[in-house]
All heavy atoms as atom14 arrays in JSON, in Angstrom:
{
  "sequence": "LSASGSLIDFGLYFFHNARALIDAGRGPYFYLAKLESSEEARLWDD",
  "atom14_mask": [
    [1, 1, 1, 1, 1, 1, 1, 1, 0, 0, 0, 0, 0, 0],
    [1, 1, 1, 1, 1, 1, 0, 0, 0, 0, 0, 0, 0, 0],
    [1, 1, 1, 1, 1, 0, 0, 0, 0, 0, 0, 0, 0, 0],
    [1, 1, 1, 1, 1, 1, 0, 0, 0, 0, 0, 0, 0, 0],
    [1, 1, 1, 1, 0, 0, 0, 0, 0, 0, 0, 0, 0, 0],
    [1, 1, 1, 1, 1, 1, 0, 0, 0, 0, 0, 0, 0, 0],
    [1, 1, 1, 1, 1, 1, 1, 1, 0, 0, 0, 0, 0, 0],
    [1, 1, 1, 1, 1, 1, 1, 1, 0, 0, 0, 0, 0, 0],
    [1, 1, 1, 1, 1, 1, 1, 1, 0, 0, 0, 0, 0, 0],
    [1, 1, 1, 1, 1, 1, 1, 1, 1, 1, 1, 0, 0, 0],
    [1, 1, 1, 1, 0, 0, 0, 0, 0, 0, 0, 0, 0, 0],
    [1, 1, 1, 1, 1, 1, 1, 1, 0, 0, 0, 0, 0, 0],
    [1, 1, 1, 1, 1, 1, 1, 1, 1, 1, 1, 1, 0, 0],
    [1, 1, 1, 1, 1, 1, 1, 1, 1, 1, 1, 0, 0, 0],
    [1, 1, 1, 1, 1, 1, 1, 1, 1, 1, 1, 0, 0, 0],
    [1, 1, 1, 1, 1, 1, 1, 1, 1, 1, 0, 0, 0, 0],
    [1, 1, 1, 1, 1, 1, 1, 1, 0, 0, 0, 0, 0, 0],
    [1, 1, 1, 1, 1, 0, 0, 0, 0, 0, 0, 0, 0, 0],
    [1, 1, 1, 1, 1, 1, 1, 1, 1, 1, 1, 0, 0, 0],
    [1, 1, 1, 1, 1, 0, 0, 0, 0, 0, 0, 0, 0, 0],
    [1, 1, 1, 1, 1, 1, 1, 1, 0, 0, 0, 0, 0, 0],
    [1, 1, 1, 1, 1, 1, 1, 1, 0, 0, 0, 0, 0, 0],
    [1, 1, 1, 1, 1, 1, 1, 1, 0, 0, 0, 0, 0, 0],
    [1, 1, 1, 1, 1, 0, 0, 0, 0, 0, 0, 0, 0, 0],
    [1, 1, 1, 1, 0, 0, 0, 0, 0, 0, 0, 0, 0, 0],
    [1, 1, 1, 1, 1, 1, 1, 1, 1, 1, 1, 0, 0, 0],
    [1, 1, 1, 1, 0, 0, 0, 0, 0, 0, 0, 0, 0, 0],
    [1, 1, 1, 1, 1, 1, 1, 0, 0, 0, 0, 0, 0, 0],
    [1, 1, 1, 1, 1, 1, 1, 1, 1, 1, 1, 1, 0, 0],
    [1, 1, 1, 1, 1, 1, 1, 1, 1, 1, 1, 0, 0, 0],
    [1, 1, 1, 1, 1, 1, 1, 1, 1, 1, 1, 1, 0, 0],
    [1, 1, 1, 1, 1, 1, 1, 1, 0, 0, 0, 0, 0, 0],
    [1, 1, 1, 1, 1, 0, 0, 0, 0, 0, 0, 0, 0, 0],
    [1, 1, 1, 1, 1, 1, 1, 1, 1, 0, 0, 0, 0, 0],
    [1, 1, 1, 1, 1, 1, 1, 1, 0, 0, 0, 0, 0, 0],
    [1, 1, 1, 1, 1, 1, 1, 1, 1, 0, 0, 0, 0, 0],
    [1, 1, 1, 1, 1, 1, 0, 0, 0, 0, 0, 0, 0, 0],
    [1, 1, 1, 1, 1, 1, 0, 0, 0, 0, 0, 0, 0, 0],
    [1, 1, 1, 1, 1, 1, 1, 1, 1, 0, 0, 0, 0, 0],
    [1, 1, 1, 1, 1, 1, 1, 1, 1, 0, 0, 0, 0, 0],
    [1, 1, 1, 1, 1, 0, 0, 0, 0, 0, 0, 0, 0, 0],
    [1, 1, 1, 1, 1, 1, 1, 1, 1, 1, 1, 0, 0, 0],
    [1, 1, 1, 1, 1, 1, 1, 1, 0, 0, 0, 0, 0, 0],
    [1, 1, 1, 1, 1, 1, 1, 1, 1, 1, 1, 1, 1, 1],
    [1, 1, 1, 1, 1, 1, 1, 1, 0, 0, 0, 0, 0, 0],
    [1, 1, 1, 1, 1, 1, 1, 1, 0, 0, 0, 0, 0, 0]
  ],
  "atom14_positions": [
    [[0.85, -1.18, 0.0], [0.0, 0.0, 0.0], [0.9, 1.24, -0.01], [2.1, 1.15, 0.25], [-0.89, 0.04, 1.24], [-1.92, -1.11, 1.39], [-2.49, -1.06, 2.78], [-3.02, -0.95, 0.37], [0.0, 0.0, 0.0], [0.0, 0.0, 0.0], [0.0, 0.0, 0.0], [0.0, 0.0, 0.0], [0.0, 0.0, 0.0], [0.0, 0.0, 0.0]],
    [[0.31, 2.39, -0.28], [1.05, 3.63, -0.15], [1.49, 3.81, 1.29], [0.78, 3.49, 2.23], [0.16, 4.85, -0.56], [-0.16, 4.8, -1.93], [0.0, 0.0, 0.0], [0.0, 0.0, 0.0], [0.0, 0.0, 0.0], [0.0, 0.0, 0.0], [0.0, 0.0, 0.0], [0.0, 0.0, 0.0], [0.0, 0.0, 0.0], [0.0, 0.0, 0.0]],
    [[2.72, 4.31, 1.45], [3.21, 4.59, 2.79], [2.38, 5.71, 3.44], [1.69, 6.45, 2.76], [4.7, 4.98, 2.74], [0.0, 0.0, 0.0], [0.0, 0.0, 0.0], [0.0, 0.0, 0.0], [0.0, 0.0, 0.0], [0.0, 0.0, 0.0], [0.0, 0.0, 0.0], [0.0, 0.0, 0.0], [0.0, 0.0, 0.0], [0.0, 0.0, 0.0]],
    [[2.44, 5.81, 4.75], [1.72, 6.83, 5.49], [2.44, 8.16, 5.35], [3.62, 8.29, 5.7], [1.63, 6.43, 6.97], [1.35, 7.56, 7.78], [0.0, 0.0, 0.0], [0.0, 0.0, 0.0], [0.0, 0.0, 0.0], [0.0, 0.0, 0.0], [0.0, 0.0, 0.0], [0.0, 0.0, 0.0], [0.0, 0.0, 0.0], [0.0, 0.0, 0.0]],
    [[1.71, 9.19, 4.89], [2.3, 10.52, 4.81], [2.73, 11.01, 6.21], [3.74, 11.7, 6.35], [0.0, 0.0, 0.0], [0.0, 0.0, 0.0], [0.0, 0.0, 0.0], [0.0, 0.0, 0.0], [0.0, 0.0, 0.0], [0.0, 0.0, 0.0], [0.0, 0.0, 0.0], [0.0, 0.0, 0.0], [0.0, 0.0, 0.0], [0.0, 0.0, 0.0]],
    [[1.96, 10.67, 7.23], [2.29, 11.08, 8.61], [3.63, 10.5, 9.02], [4.51, 11.24, 9.53], [1.23, 10.59, 9.59], [-0.01, 11.2, 9.34], [0.0, 0.0, 0.0], [0.0, 0.0, 0.0], [0.0, 0.0, 0.0], [0.0, 0.0, 0.0], [0.0, 0.0, 0.0], [0.0, 0.0, 0.0], [0.0, 0.0, 0.0], [0.0, 0.0, 0.0]],
    [[3.8, 9.21, 8.86], [5.05, 8.55, 9.29], [6.24, 8.97, 8.45], [7.35, 9.07, 8.98], [4.87, 7.02, 9.25], [3.81, 6.47, 10.23], [3.7, 4.96, 10.07], [4.13, 6.85, 11.67], [0.0, 0.0, 0.0], [0.0, 0.0, 0.0], [0.0, 0.0, 0.0], [0.0, 0.0, 0.0], [0.0, 0.0, 0.0], [0.0, 0.0, 0.0]],
    [[6.03, 9.2, 7.13], [7.11, 9.66, 6.31], [7.59, 11.05, 6.73], [8.78, 11.29, 6.97], [6.7, 9.68, 4.81], [6.39, 8.27, 4.32], [7.78, 10.35, 3.97], [7.59, 7.31, 4.33], [0.0, 0.0, 0.0], [0.0, 0.0, 0.0], [0.0, 0.0, 0.0], [0.0, 0.0, 0.0], [0.0, 0.0, 0.0], [0.0, 0.0, 0.0]],
    [[6.64, 12.0, 6.84], [7.03, 13.35, 7.19], [7.65, 13.44, 8.58], [8.71, 14.05, 8.79], [5.78, 14.29, 7.15], [5.2, 14.41, 5.77], [5.86, 14.04, 4.8], [4.05, 14.89, 5.67], [0.0, 0.0, 0.0], [0.0, 0.0, 0.0], [0.0, 0.0, 0.0], [0.0, 0.0, 0.0], [0.0, 0.0, 0.0], [0.0, 0.0, 0.0]],
    [[6.99, 12.84, 9.56], [7.51, 12.83, 10.9], [8.86, 12.14, 10.95], [9.83, 12.63, 11.51], [6.54, 12.11, 11.88], [7.23, 11.66, 13.14], [7.5, 12.56, 14.17], [7.65, 10.34, 13.31], [8.16, 12.16, 15.32], [8.3, 9.94, 14.43], [8.55, 10.83, 15.45], [0.0, 0.0, 0.0], [0.0, 0.0, 0.0], [0.0, 0.0, 0.0]],
    [[8.92, 10.92, 10.35], [10.12, 10.11, 10.46], [11.36, 10.74, 9.88], [12.44, 10.75, 10.5], [0.0, 0.0, 0.0], [0.0, 0.0, 0.0], [0.0, 0.0, 0.0], [0.0, 0.0, 0.0], [0.0, 0.0, 0.0], [0.0, 0.0, 0.0], [0.0, 0.0, 0.0], [0.0, 0.0, 0.0], [0.0, 0.0, 0.0], [0.0, 0.0, 0.0]],
    [[11.23, 11.33, 8.69], [12.4, 11.94, 8.05], [12.88, 13.17, 8.87], [14.07, 13.37, 9.07], [12.06, 12.35, 6.63], [11.88, 11.19, 5.65], [11.43, 11.7, 4.28], [13.19, 10.36, 5.49], [0.0, 0.0, 0.0], [0.0, 0.0, 0.0], [0.0, 0.0, 0.0], [0.0, 0.0, 0.0], [0.0, 0.0, 0.0], [0.0, 0.0, 0.0]],
    [[11.92, 14.0, 9.29], [12.32, 15.2, 10.04], [12.94, 14.81, 11.39], [14.01, 15.34, 11.77], [11.07, 16.07, 10.28], [11.34, 17.34, 11.06], [11.91, 18.45, 10.42], [11.03, 17.4, 12.41], [12.12, 19.61, 11.16], [11.25, 18.57, 13.13], [11.82, 19.67, 12.51], [12.05, 20.8, 13.2], [0.0, 0.0, 0.0], [0.0, 0.0, 0.0]],
    [[12.33, 13.88, 12.09], [12.85, 13.48, 13.39], [14.21, 12.82, 13.25], [15.16, 13.15, 14.01], [11.86, 12.53, 14.03], [12.34, 11.99, 15.37], [12.19, 12.74, 16.52], [12.94, 10.74, 15.46], [12.62, 12.27, 17.75], [13.35, 10.26, 16.69], [13.21, 11.01, 17.83], [0.0, 0.0, 0.0], [0.0, 0.0, 0.0], [0.0, 0.0, 0.0]],
    [[14.34, 11.91, 12.31], [15.59, 11.16, 12.18], [16.77, 12.1, 11.87], [17.85, 11.93, 12.46], [15.45, 10.11, 11.06], [16.66, 9.22, 10.93], [16.8, 8.09, 11.73], [17.64, 9.51, 9.99], [17.95, 7.28, 11.6], [18.77, 8.7, 9.87], [18.92, 7.6, 10.68], [0.0, 0.0, 0.0], [0.0, 0.0, 0.0], [0.0, 0.0, 0.0]],
    [[16.57, 13.04, 11.0], [17.67, 13.87, 10.54], [17.94, 15.07, 11.48], [19.08, 15.55, 11.51], [17.41, 14.42, 9.15], [17.53, 13.4, 8.1], [18.74, 12.77, 7.77], [16.59, 12.87, 7.24], [18.55, 11.9, 6.77], [17.27, 11.94, 6.41], [0.0, 0.0, 0.0], [0.0, 0.0, 0.0], [0.0, 0.0, 0.0], [0.0, 0.0, 0.0]],
    [[16.96, 15.5, 12.27], [17.09, 16.76, 12.96], [16.98, 16.74, 14.45], [17.27, 17.73, 15.12], [16.06, 17.74, 12.41], [16.2, 17.96, 10.91], [17.27, 18.31, 10.42], [15.11, 17.72, 10.18], [0.0, 0.0, 0.0], [0.0, 0.0, 0.0], [0.0, 0.0, 0.0], [0.0, 0.0, 0.0], [0.0, 0.0, 0.0], [0.0, 0.0, 0.0]],
    [[16.52, 15.64, 15.06], [16.25, 15.61, 16.49], [17.49, 16.02, 17.3], [17.41, 16.89, 18.19], [15.74, 14.25, 16.91], [0.0, 0.0, 0.0], [0.0, 0.0, 0.0], [0.0, 0.0, 0.0], [0.0, 0.0, 0.0], [0.0, 0.0, 0.0], [0.0, 0.0, 0.0], [0.0, 0.0, 0.0], [0.0, 0.0, 0.0], [0.0, 0.0, 0.0]],
    [[18.62, 15.42, 16.99], [19.8, 15.71, 17.8], [20.29, 17.13, 17.59], [20.7, 17.83, 18.53], [20.91, 14.72, 17.44], [20.61, 13.28, 17.92], [21.84, 12.38, 17.78], [21.49, 11.01, 18.12], [21.38, 10.53, 19.35], [21.55, 11.36, 20.35], [21.07, 9.29, 19.53], [0.0, 0.0, 0.0], [0.0, 0.0, 0.0], [0.0, 0.0, 0.0]],
    [[20.24, 17.61, 16.33], [20.67, 18.98, 16.04], [19.77, 20.0, 16.77], [20.24, 21.0, 17.29], [20.66, 19.25, 14.53], [0.0, 0.0, 0.0], [0.0, 0.0, 0.0], [0.0, 0.0, 0.0], [0.0, 0.0, 0.0], [0.0, 0.0, 0.0], [0.0, 0.0, 0.0], [0.0, 0.0, 0.0], [0.0, 0.0, 0.0], [0.0, 0.0, 0.0]],
    [[18.49, 19.72, 16.81], [17.55, 20.62, 17.51], [17.83, 20.61, 19.02], [17.82, 21.69, 19.64], [16.12, 20.17, 17.23], [15.6, 20.46, 15.82], [14.38, 19.61, 15.51], [15.3, 21.93, 15.65], [0.0, 0.0, 0.0], [0.0, 0.0, 0.0], [0.0, 0.0, 0.0], [0.0, 0.0, 0.0], [0.0, 0.0, 0.0], [0.0, 0.0, 0.0]],
    [[18.06, 19.45, 19.58], [18.36, 19.36, 21.02], [19.66, 20.11, 21.33], [19.74, 20.9, 22.3], [18.45, 17.88, 21.46], [17.1, 17.2, 21.31], [18.96, 17.8, 22.9], [17.18, 15.7, 21.38], [0.0, 0.0, 0.0], [0.0, 0.0, 0.0], [0.0, 0.0, 0.0], [0.0, 0.0, 0.0], [0.0, 0.0, 0.0], [0.0, 0.0, 0.0]],
    [[20.66, 19.92, 20.47], [21.97, 20.59, 20.68], [21.81, 22.12, 20.61], [22.59, 22.87, 21.25], [22.98, 20.11, 19.66], [23.36, 18.66, 19.89], [23.14, 18.14, 20.99], [23.95, 18.07, 18.93], [0.0, 0.0, 0.0], [0.0, 0.0, 0.0], [0.0, 0.0, 0.0], [0.0, 0.0, 0.0], [0.0, 0.0, 0.0], [0.0, 0.0, 0.0]],
    [[20.83, 22.58, 19.84], [20.61, 24.02, 19.71], [19.76, 24.59, 20.82], [19.4, 25.79, 20.81], [19.94, 24.31, 18.35], [0.0, 0.0, 0.0], [0.0, 0.0, 0.0], [0.0, 0.0, 0.0], [0.0, 0.0, 0.0], [0.0, 0.0, 0.0], [0.0, 0.0, 0.0], [0.0, 0.0, 0.0], [0.0, 0.0, 0.0], [0.0, 0.0, 0.0]],
    [[19.37, 23.75, 21.77], [18.62, 24.21, 22.93], [17.1, 24.22, 22.69], [16.36, 24.85, 23.48], [0.0, 0.0, 0.0], [0.0, 0.0, 0.0], [0.0, 0.0, 0.0], [0.0, 0.0, 0.0], [0.0, 0.0, 0.0], [0.0, 0.0, 0.0], [0.0, 0.0, 0.0], [0.0, 0.0, 0.0], [0.0, 0.0, 0.0], [0.0, 0.0, 0.0]],
    [[16.67, 23.52, 21.68], [15.23, 23.41, 21.4], [14.88, 21.9, 21.4], [15.27, 21.19, 22.29], [14.88, 24.16, 20.14], [15.14, 25.67, 20.31], [14.84, 26.5, 19.13], [15.07, 27.91, 19.42], [14.88, 28.91, 18.56], [14.44, 28.63, 17.33], [15.11, 30.15, 18.91], [0.0, 0.0, 0.0], [0.0, 0.0, 0.0], [0.0, 0.0, 0.0]],
    [[14.16, 21.47, 20.38], [13.83, 20.06, 20.38], [12.97, 19.7, 19.15], [12.51, 20.57, 18.4], [0.0, 0.0, 0.0], [0.0, 0.0, 0.0], [0.0, 0.0, 0.0], [0.0, 0.0, 0.0], [0.0, 0.0, 0.0], [0.0, 0.0, 0.0], [0.0, 0.0, 0.0], [0.0, 0.0, 0.0], [0.0, 0.0, 0.0], [0.0, 0.0, 0.0]],
    [[12.72, 18.41, 18.97], [11.85, 17.96, 17.87], [10.38, 18.15, 18.25], [9.85, 17.39, 19.05], [12.22, 16.47, 17.72], [12.68, 16.06, 19.06], [13.31, 17.28, 19.71], [0.0, 0.0, 0.0], [0.0, 0.0, 0.0], [0.0, 0.0, 0.0], [0.0, 0.0, 0.0], [0.0, 0.0, 0.0], [0.0, 0.0, 0.0], [0.0, 0.0, 0.0]],
    [[9.76, 19.12, 17.67], [8.38, 19.54, 18.04], [7.45, 19.38, 16.83], [7.85, 19.7, 15.7], [8.35, 20.96, 18.57], [9.26, 21.21, 19.76], [9.92, 22.45, 19.86], [9.47, 20.25, 20.74], [10.77, 22.7, 20.97], [10.31, 20.49, 21.82], [10.95, 21.72, 21.91], [11.79, 21.96, 22.98], [0.0, 0.0, 0.0], [0.0, 0.0, 0.0]],
    [[6.22, 19.01, 17.12], [5.29, 18.7, 16.02], [3.92, 19.23, 16.32], [3.45, 19.23, 17.46], [5.21, 17.16, 15.82], [6.56, 16.55, 15.46], [7.4, 16.1, 16.43], [6.96, 16.51, 14.11], [8.64, 15.57, 16.12], [8.22, 16.0, 13.8], [9.05, 15.54, 14.78], [0.0, 0.0, 0.0], [0.0, 0.0, 0.0], [0.0, 0.0, 0.0]],
    [[3.25, 19.67, 15.25], [1.79, 19.91, 15.25], [1.12, 18.67, 14.67], [1.53, 18.19, 13.6], [1.46, 21.13, 14.39], [1.2, 22.38, 15.19], [2.1, 23.44, 15.15], [0.06, 22.54, 15.97], [1.87, 24.63, 15.86], [-0.19, 23.68, 16.69], [0.71, 24.73, 16.63], [0.47, 25.87, 17.36], [0.0, 0.0, 0.0], [0.0, 0.0, 0.0]],
    [[0.1, 18.17, 15.34], [-0.61, 16.98, 14.87], [-1.95, 17.37, 14.3], [-2.82, 17.9, 15.03], [-0.75, 15.99, 16.01], [0.56, 15.53, 16.68], [0.28, 14.51, 17.78], [1.54, 15.0, 15.67], [0.0, 0.0, 0.0], [0.0, 0.0, 0.0], [0.0, 0.0, 0.0], [0.0, 0.0, 0.0], [0.0, 0.0, 0.0], [0.0, 0.0, 0.0]],
    [[-2.18, 17.06, 13.03], [-3.36, 17.54, 12.31], [-4.42, 16.44, 12.22], [-4.15, 15.27, 12.17], [-2.95, 17.96, 10.9], [0.0, 0.0, 0.0], [0.0, 0.0, 0.0], [0.0, 0.0, 0.0], [0.0, 0.0, 0.0], [0.0, 0.0, 0.0], [0.0, 0.0, 0.0], [0.0, 0.0, 0.0], [0.0, 0.0, 0.0], [0.0, 0.0, 0.0]],
    [[-5.68, 16.9, 12.16], [-6.85, 16.11, 11.78], [-7.18, 14.98, 12.76], [-7.93, 14.05, 12.39], [-6.65, 15.54, 10.38], [-6.29, 16.51, 9.28], [-7.44, 17.43, 8.95], [-7.18, 18.22, 7.67], [-6.07, 19.21, 7.77], [0.0, 0.0, 0.0], [0.0, 0.0, 0.0], [0.0, 0.0, 0.0], [0.0, 0.0, 0.0], [0.0, 0.0, 0.0]],
    [[-6.63, 14.98, 13.97], [-6.99, 13.91, 14.91], [-8.47, 13.91, 15.22], [-9.11, 14.96, 15.28], [-6.21, 14.05, 16.23], [-4.93, 13.23, 16.34], [-3.9, 13.66, 15.32], [-4.36, 13.28, 17.73], [0.0, 0.0, 0.0], [0.0, 0.0, 0.0], [0.0, 0.0, 0.0], [0.0, 0.0, 0.0], [0.0, 0.0, 0.0], [0.0, 0.0, 0.0]],
    [[-9.04, 12.7, 15.35], [-10.48, 12.58, 15.62], [-10.76, 11.84, 16.94], [-11.94, 11.75, 17.33], [-11.17, 11.89, 14.45], [-11.14, 12.72, 13.18], [-12.16, 12.28, 12.16], [-13.07, 11.52, 12.5], [-12.07, 12.73, 10.98], [0.0, 0.0, 0.0], [0.0, 0.0, 0.0], [0.0, 0.0, 0.0], [0.0, 0.0, 0.0], [0.0, 0.0, 0.0]],
    [[-9.74, 11.3, 17.58], [-10.01, 10.52, 18.82], [-8.77, 10.41, 19.66], [-7.63, 10.62, 19.2], [-10.5, 9.13, 18.44], [-9.43, 8.36, 17.89], [0.0, 0.0, 0.0], [0.0, 0.0, 0.0], [0.0, 0.0, 0.0], [0.0, 0.0, 0.0], [0.0, 0.0, 0.0], [0.0, 0.0, 0.0], [0.0, 0.0, 0.0], [0.0, 0.0, 0.0]],
    [[-9.0, 10.06, 20.92], [-7.84, 9.83, 21.83], [-7.06, 8.6, 21.42], [-5.86, 8.49, 21.7], [-8.34, 9.73, 23.27], [-9.31, 8.67, 23.4], [0.0, 0.0, 0.0], [0.0, 0.0, 0.0], [0.0, 0.0, 0.0], [0.0, 0.0, 0.0], [0.0, 0.0, 0.0], [0.0, 0.0, 0.0], [0.0, 0.0, 0.0], [0.0, 0.0, 0.0]],
    [[-7.7, 7.63, 20.76], [-6.99, 6.47, 20.24], [-5.97, 6.86, 19.19], [-4.89, 6.3, 19.12], [-7.97, 5.43, 19.7], [-8.75, 4.67, 20.77], [-9.91, 5.45, 21.37], [-10.28, 6.5, 20.79], [-10.45, 5.03, 22.4], [0.0, 0.0, 0.0], [0.0, 0.0, 0.0], [0.0, 0.0, 0.0], [0.0, 0.0, 0.0], [0.0, 0.0, 0.0]],
    [[-6.34, 7.85, 18.37], [-5.37, 8.34, 17.38], [-4.21, 9.06, 18.09], [-3.07, 8.99, 17.65], [-6.05, 9.28, 16.41], [-7.05, 8.59, 15.48], [-7.65, 9.54, 14.46], [-7.07, 10.59, 14.17], [-8.75, 9.21, 13.98], [0.0, 0.0, 0.0], [0.0, 0.0, 0.0], [0.0, 0.0, 0.0], [0.0, 0.0, 0.0], [0.0, 0.0, 0.0]],
    [[-4.51, 9.79, 19.17], [-3.47, 10.45, 19.93], [-2.56, 9.41, 20.59], [-1.32, 9.59, 20.62], [-4.11, 11.32, 21.01], [0.0, 0.0, 0.0], [0.0, 0.0, 0.0], [0.0, 0.0, 0.0], [0.0, 0.0, 0.0], [0.0, 0.0, 0.0], [0.0, 0.0, 0.0], [0.0, 0.0, 0.0], [0.0, 0.0, 0.0], [0.0, 0.0, 0.0]],
    [[-3.14, 8.33, 21.08], [-2.29, 7.24, 21.66], [-1.38, 6.64, 20.65], [-0.22, 6.32, 20.95], [-3.2, 6.17, 22.27], [-2.4, 5.07, 23.0], [-3.36, 3.97, 23.46], [-4.48, 4.52, 24.19], [-5.69, 3.96, 24.25], [-5.93, 2.83, 23.59], [-6.67, 4.52, 24.94], [0.0, 0.0, 0.0], [0.0, 0.0, 0.0], [0.0, 0.0, 0.0]],
    [[-1.83, 6.49, 19.42], [-1.0, 6.0, 18.36], [0.2, 6.91, 18.16], [1.36, 6.45, 18.08], [-1.8, 5.85, 17.06], [-1.02, 5.42, 15.8], [-0.25, 4.13, 16.05], [-2.0, 5.29, 14.64], [0.0, 0.0, 0.0], [0.0, 0.0, 0.0], [0.0, 0.0, 0.0], [0.0, 0.0, 0.0], [0.0, 0.0, 0.0], [0.0, 0.0, 0.0]],
    [[-0.03, 8.21, 18.1], [1.09, 9.15, 17.96], [2.04, 9.05, 19.16], [3.24, 9.07, 19.0], [0.56, 10.59, 17.84], [0.37, 11.07, 16.44], [-0.8, 11.51, 15.89], [1.36, 11.22, 15.43], [-0.58, 11.89, 14.56], [0.75, 11.72, 14.27], [2.72, 10.91, 15.36], [1.43, 11.97, 13.07], [3.43, 11.17, 14.2], [2.78, 11.68, 13.04]],
    [[1.49, 8.92, 20.35], [2.34, 8.83, 21.52], [3.21, 7.59, 21.48], [4.42, 7.66, 21.84], [1.47, 8.79, 22.79], [2.29, 9.07, 24.06], [2.73, 10.22, 24.22], [2.52, 8.12, 24.82], [0.0, 0.0, 0.0], [0.0, 0.0, 0.0], [0.0, 0.0, 0.0], [0.0, 0.0, 0.0], [0.0, 0.0, 0.0], [0.0, 0.0, 0.0]],
    [[2.68, 6.5, 21.01], [3.5, 5.28, 20.86], [4.57, 5.46, 19.78], [5.7, 4.96, 19.94], [2.63, 4.09, 20.53], [1.77, 3.65, 21.72], [2.06, 4.06, 22.86], [0.79, 2.93, 21.51], [0.0, 0.0, 0.0], [0.0, 0.0, 0.0], [0.0, 0.0, 0.0], [0.0, 0.0, 0.0], [0.0, 0.0, 0.0], [0.0, 0.0, 0.0]]
  ]
}
């Protein structure tokens, strides 16, 4: 199937930039769009 746009966008940004952001005194931060339930939020948390 087509890959998940959410996991692709999040994964590439996090993988390449998390450490650089932390070193700069900030961090890997995200806006989560279109959620419809707490179960979807739990999925993101995992």
